[in-house]
Amino acid sequence: MRVAVSLVVGLVGFALLSACVGTETARRDGPRRRSERRDAPVAPVDDVAVDAAGVPLRAPRFDATRTMTVHLLDVGQGAATLLEFPCGAVLIDTGGESNPSFDVHAELRRQLDAFFSRRTDLQRTLDLLIITHPHIDHLRGLPTLLETVTVKNIVDNGDRGDDLVAREMQVLTRYIEEKKPGHRSIRLADIVKRNGLSDDVIDPVACEAVDPKLRVLWGGLDTDPGWGTDNYGKPRFANQNNHSVVTRVDFGATSLLITGDLEDIAIHALLEKYEGTRWLDVDIYQAGHHGSANGTTRPLVEALTPSLALIAMGDPERQHQWTAWAYGHPRAVVVDMLHDGVALERPPVEVLVGKGTKRFTSRTIHRAIFGTGWDGAVAVDVGLDGEIAVRRRLKRR
């Protein structure tokens, strides 16, 4: 199969709308390799409209009935990814950061309100909510979400987490008991085949013109594979990051992989599980663990051969506990790794990358790597034929 991939990058402000574009078309037979790709030129394009919240609307020339939009919501240091389809929507994780400078509840509500005010046909309903793992930076917005949105199906990894997420997990449990959505807890033992796992709960979206395919490739483990301890002497098996639900989405000619906070030891196991298959060869990669040094490995990037990378992280200029600044996210080593591995380009931009906790340096990047800590909310339009358009909301200062 021959796949055409092109990239359009629009930079959208709140008051003054302006845009610039990088366009690249690459064709492939079988898995892409970086040596087969060409760099992207930069050229001007028309302005892109924004909604009432300042979030950019769909890029021009995209047919709404044949487009998936990946919304990397700005939830600060955390993750929340909204997948918009012609006939439905899926949310993976709920963020995020909470401190005197950032309130994930207000930000998540604002962005969801803006989305559903535009997509009135969805009646404030999500077809699916995936909680990759029970950590607070992926769960904090859950009560706000379930107060304001109806969820038809829920996927998690079956673990309850610790006391830090007890309130959020109680809200989730109560919602499942009272509303009775379709519910699936993904354990790795359920994924016995090397093509992942999919059913009506995991993949509830089927539109008239296109049937997106959702499947999970990883989940919670029941027994320790012998992972030993990490650099801090803590058992890797006890770390919920390594039990993250890993989701692959296929939409027409384009594929997306979200690995949650999977760390290097589990990434190695993931690569072993799917070695020799096509399931890890994707076009869009949401970088694991907010760009942490242990959330992406070079063998993973080489297996993915991504055209574009997304990073869900906070603004490193917010100097509070439990922020991107405190963790040093995203790490320079990972950004450099992605810069080497990502095929498409973006207009050059200077960003802050972590050298360690609370230590940053600047990098100029020109490959198609987008992060909420640098770019604010990011939207990626995907057409059935493989065209990709990236739009970002300029951050409010």
Foldseek 3Di string as FASTA:
>chain_A
DKFWEWEFEFEQEQPDFFGKTWIFTFIDDPFDDQVRFDETDIDGDDTFDAFPLQHTDDDPPFDLQFKWKWKFAAQAAAGWIWIDHSQFIEIEFQFDDDDPVGDSQVRSVVVLVRVCVVVVVHVQEHAEYEYFFPDCGRQVNQVSSVVRHHYQAYEYQPDQDDPVCNVRSVVVVVCCVPVVHHYYRDEQVVQPDLQADDDCRQQVDQGDVWRKDKGWQFAQYDDDPPQAADPVRHGPNPDRLQGTTWMWIDRASFIEIESEQRFQVSVVVSCVSNPPHLRLAGAEYAFHPQQDPGRDDLVSLSSHLYQAYEGEFHALVPDDPPHCQQFQPNAPVSVVSVLVRHNYWACWDKDWGGPGRNHTDIDIGTGRYYYCNQFNIKMWMAGNSNYIYIYTYHDDD
